C-alpha atoms as a PDB file:
ATOM      1  CA  UNK A   1       2.480 -13.309  -3.769  1.00  0.00           C
ATOM      2  CA  UNK A   2       5.516 -11.411  -2.478  1.00  0.00           C
ATOM      3  CA  UNK A   3       5.299 -10.144   1.091  1.00  0.00           C
ATOM      4  CA  UNK A   4       6.852  -6.775   1.912  1.00  0.00           C
ATOM      5  CA  UNK A   5       9.815  -6.410   4.250  1.00  0.00           C
ATOM      6  CA  UNK A   6       7.636  -4.398   6.633  1.00  0.00           C
ATOM      7  CA  UNK A   7       4.965  -7.119   6.714  1.00  0.00           C
ATOM      8  CA  UNK A   8       7.625  -9.808   7.335  1.00  0.00           C
ATOM      9  CA  UNK A   9       9.025  -7.754  10.220  1.00  0.00           C
ATOM     10  CA  UNK A  10       5.590  -7.112  11.715  1.00  0.00           C
ATOM     11  CA  UNK A  11       4.732 -10.829  11.692  1.00  0.00           C
ATOM     12  CA  UNK A  12       7.500 -11.302  14.276  1.00  0.00           C
ATOM     13  CA  UNK A  13       6.531  -8.454  16.616  1.00  0.00           C
ATOM     14  CA  UNK A  14       4.470  -8.542  19.801  1.00  0.00           C
ATOM     15  CA  UNK A  15       3.058  -5.194  20.908  1.00  0.00           C
ATOM     16  CA  UNK A  16       3.630  -5.258  24.671  1.00  0.00           C
ATOM     17  CA  UNK A  17       0.778  -3.216  26.211  1.00  0.00           C
ATOM     18  CA  UNK A  18       2.445  -2.357  29.530  1.00  0.00           C
ATOM     19  CA  UNK A  19       5.676  -0.862  28.151  1.00  0.00           C
ATOM     20  CA  UNK A  20       4.679   0.011  24.602  1.00  0.00           C
ATOM     21  CA  UNK A  21       7.667  -1.949  23.300  1.00  0.00           C
ATOM     22  CA  UNK A  22       7.306  -3.867  20.044  1.00  0.00           C
ATOM     23  CA  UNK A  23       9.092  -7.050  21.094  1.00  0.00           C
ATOM     24  CA  UNK A  24      10.835  -9.218  18.514  1.00  0.00           C
ATOM     25  CA  UNK A  25       9.634 -12.801  18.916  1.00  0.00           C
ATOM     26  CA  UNK A  26      11.780 -14.309  16.159  1.00  0.00           C
ATOM     27  CA  UNK A  27      15.313 -15.585  16.518  1.00  0.00           C
ATOM     28  CA  UNK A  28      17.772 -13.569  18.587  1.00  0.00           C
ATOM     29  CA  UNK A  29      21.500 -13.366  19.120  1.00  0.00           C
ATOM     30  CA  UNK A  30      23.228 -14.023  22.469  1.00  0.00           C
ATOM     31  CA  UNK A  31      22.574 -10.452  23.627  1.00  0.00           C
ATOM     32  CA  UNK A  32      18.833 -10.610  22.904  1.00  0.00           C
ATOM     33  CA  UNK A  33      18.822  -8.545  19.687  1.00  0.00           C
ATOM     34  CA  UNK A  34      16.487  -9.821  16.988  1.00  0.00           C
ATOM     35  CA  UNK A  35      17.919 -11.449  13.864  1.00  0.00           C
ATOM     36  CA  UNK A  36      16.094 -10.479  10.675  1.00  0.00           C
ATOM     37  CA  UNK A  37      16.969 -11.542   7.132  1.00  0.00           C
ATOM     38  CA  UNK A  38      16.729  -8.541   4.798  1.00  0.00           C
ATOM     39  CA  UNK A  39      18.372  -7.592   1.503  1.00  0.00           C
ATOM     40  CA  UNK A  40      20.267 -10.868   1.355  1.00  0.00           C
ATOM     41  CA  UNK A  41      21.888 -10.580   4.783  1.00  0.00           C
ATOM     42  CA  UNK A  42      21.163 -11.066   8.461  1.00  0.00           C
ATOM     43  CA  UNK A  43      20.530  -7.746  10.198  1.00  0.00           C
ATOM     44  CA  UNK A  44      19.452  -6.776  13.690  1.00  0.00           C
ATOM     45  CA  UNK A  45      15.660  -6.429  13.739  1.00  0.00           C
ATOM     46  CA  UNK A  46      15.695  -3.044  15.492  1.00  0.00           C
ATOM     47  CA  UNK A  47      17.980  -1.626  12.774  1.00  0.00           C
ATOM     48  CA  UNK A  48      15.628  -2.924  10.088  1.00  0.00           C
ATOM     49  CA  UNK A  49      12.669  -1.402  11.956  1.00  0.00           C
ATOM     50  CA  UNK A  50      14.448   1.956  12.140  1.00  0.00           C
ATOM     51  CA  UNK A  51      15.023   1.931   8.378  1.00  0.00           C
ATOM     52  CA  UNK A  52      11.449   0.850   7.624  1.00  0.00           C
ATOM     53  CA  UNK A  53       9.652   3.331   9.881  1.00  0.00           C
ATOM     54  CA  UNK A  54      12.091   6.254  10.155  1.00  0.00           C
ATOM     55  CA  UNK A  55      14.522   6.096   7.250  1.00  0.00           C
ATOM     56  CA  UNK A  56      18.162   5.375   6.482  1.00  0.00           C
ATOM     57  CA  UNK A  57      20.545   5.008   9.406  1.00  0.00           C
ATOM     58  CA  UNK A  58      23.057   7.865   9.238  1.00  0.00           C
ATOM     59  CA  UNK A  59      26.526   6.792   8.094  1.00  0.00           C
ATOM     60  CA  UNK A  60      28.658   5.416  10.925  1.00  0.00           C
ATOM     61  CA  UNK A  61      25.812   5.441  13.453  1.00  0.00           C
ATOM     62  CA  UNK A  62      24.319   2.707  15.595  1.00  0.00           C
ATOM     63  CA  UNK A  63      20.624   2.425  16.460  1.00  0.00           C
ATOM     64  CA  UNK A  64      20.157   2.828  20.214  1.00  0.00           C
ATOM     65  CA  UNK A  65      17.193   2.042  22.502  1.00  0.00           C
ATOM     66  CA  UNK A  66      15.546   4.598  24.810  1.00  0.00           C
ATOM     67  CA  UNK A  67      13.796   1.685  26.539  1.00  0.00           C
ATOM     68  CA  UNK A  68      16.970  -0.411  27.036  1.00  0.00           C
ATOM     69  CA  UNK A  69      15.176  -3.503  25.686  1.00  0.00           C
ATOM     70  CA  UNK A  70      17.344  -5.209  23.034  1.00  0.00           C
ATOM     71  CA  UNK A  71      14.392  -6.966  21.379  1.00  0.00           C
ATOM     72  CA  UNK A  72      12.334  -3.756  21.046  1.00  0.00           C
ATOM     73  CA  UNK A  73      11.629  -2.564  17.492  1.00  0.00           C
ATOM     74  CA  UNK A  74       9.237   0.305  18.289  1.00  0.00           C
ATOM     75  CA  UNK A  75      10.458   3.311  16.280  1.00  0.00           C
ATOM     76  CA  UNK A  76       9.398   5.522  19.208  1.00  0.00           C
ATOM     77  CA  UNK A  77      12.127   3.846  21.283  1.00  0.00           C
ATOM     78  CA  UNK A  78      14.892   3.942  18.646  1.00  0.00           C
ATOM     79  CA  UNK A  79      17.370   6.719  17.930  1.00  0.00           C
ATOM     80  CA  UNK A  80      20.675   7.042  16.089  1.00  0.00           C
ATOM     81  CA  UNK A  81      23.885   7.440  18.047  1.00  0.00           C
ATOM     82  CA  UNK A  82      27.558   6.604  18.107  1.00  0.00           C
ATOM     83  CA  UNK A  83      29.127   3.832  20.130  1.00  0.00           C
ATOM     84  CA  UNK A  84      30.330   6.559  22.500  1.00  0.00           C
ATOM     85  CA  UNK A  85      26.735   7.829  22.853  1.00  0.00           C
ATOM     86  CA  UNK A  86      25.661   4.282  23.706  1.00  0.00           C
ATOM     87  CA  UNK A  87      28.366   3.937  26.374  1.00  0.00           C
ATOM     88  CA  UNK A  88      27.476   7.304  27.924  1.00  0.00           C
ATOM     89  CA  UNK A  89      23.782   6.381  27.921  1.00  0.00           C
ATOM     90  CA  UNK A  90      24.650   3.102  29.645  1.00  0.00           C
ATOM     91  CA  UNK A  91      26.592   4.890  32.386  1.00  0.00           C
ATOM     92  CA  UNK A  92      23.885   7.548  32.835  1.00  0.00           C
ATOM     93  CA  UNK A  93      21.197   4.875  33.256  1.00  0.00           C
ATOM     94  CA  UNK A  94      23.285   2.765  35.628  1.00  0.00           C
ATOM     95  CA  UNK A  95      23.600  -0.173  33.210  1.00  0.00           C
ATOM     96  CA  UNK A  96      27.378   0.009  32.846  1.00  0.00           C
ATOM     97  CA  UNK A  97      29.371  -2.347  35.008  1.00  0.00           C
ATOM     98  CA  UNK A  98      33.116  -2.086  34.615  1.00  0.00           C
ATOM     99  CA  UNK A  99      34.760  -5.472  34.218  1.00  0.00           C
ATOM    100  CA  UNK A 100      36.023  -6.970  37.458  1.00  0.00           C
ATOM    101  CA  UNK A 101      39.494  -7.750  36.245  1.00  0.00           C
ATOM    102  CA  UNK A 102      41.631  -6.405  39.051  1.00  0.00           C
ATOM    103  CA  UNK A 103      44.157  -8.437  40.969  1.00  0.00           C
ATOM    104  CA  UNK A 104      44.298 -12.143  40.227  1.00  0.00           C
ATOM    105  CA  UNK A 105      41.297 -11.858  37.896  1.00  0.00           C
ATOM    106  CA  UNK A 106      43.319  -9.757  35.440  1.00  0.00           C
ATOM    107  CA  UNK A 107      44.326 -11.740  32.353  1.00  0.00           C
ATOM    108  CA  UNK A 108      48.003 -10.817  32.825  1.00  0.00           C
ATOM    109  CA  UNK A 109      48.141 -11.641  36.566  1.00  0.00           C
ATOM    110  CA  UNK A 110      51.128 -13.706  37.653  1.00  0.00           C
ATOM    111  CA  UNK A 111      50.321 -13.836  41.372  1.00  0.00           C
ATOM    112  CA  UNK A 112      47.245 -14.634  43.415  1.00  0.00           C
ATOM    113  CA  UNK A 113      45.756 -11.963  45.682  1.00  0.00           C
ATOM    114  CA  UNK A 114      47.286 -13.744  48.694  1.00  0.00           C
ATOM    115  CA  UNK A 115      50.791 -13.651  47.204  1.00  0.00           C
END
């Protein structure tokens, strides 16, 4: 018996009652995004969920999270956007931290802060 892609995805989801997030409990990457094997390739679980429950991801778009939870696959929390949209959303929500690479921490620094 062949199991559908949707059923395979749902076997790896935990419906978190407090937040409403559908948390991916399968394997994840270093940033906490779910890894899901679909159509012969490894894809992020939230992208697969978007395609299953909402439809095709518009060309050149990312799938962003309203809830800011990388492992969430709830279609209610997912929306299409550009990388720029994602960066702006990060700044607006206070998640963006500019890299601390000033002074001696900068990769091209030749002197210490004391010098």
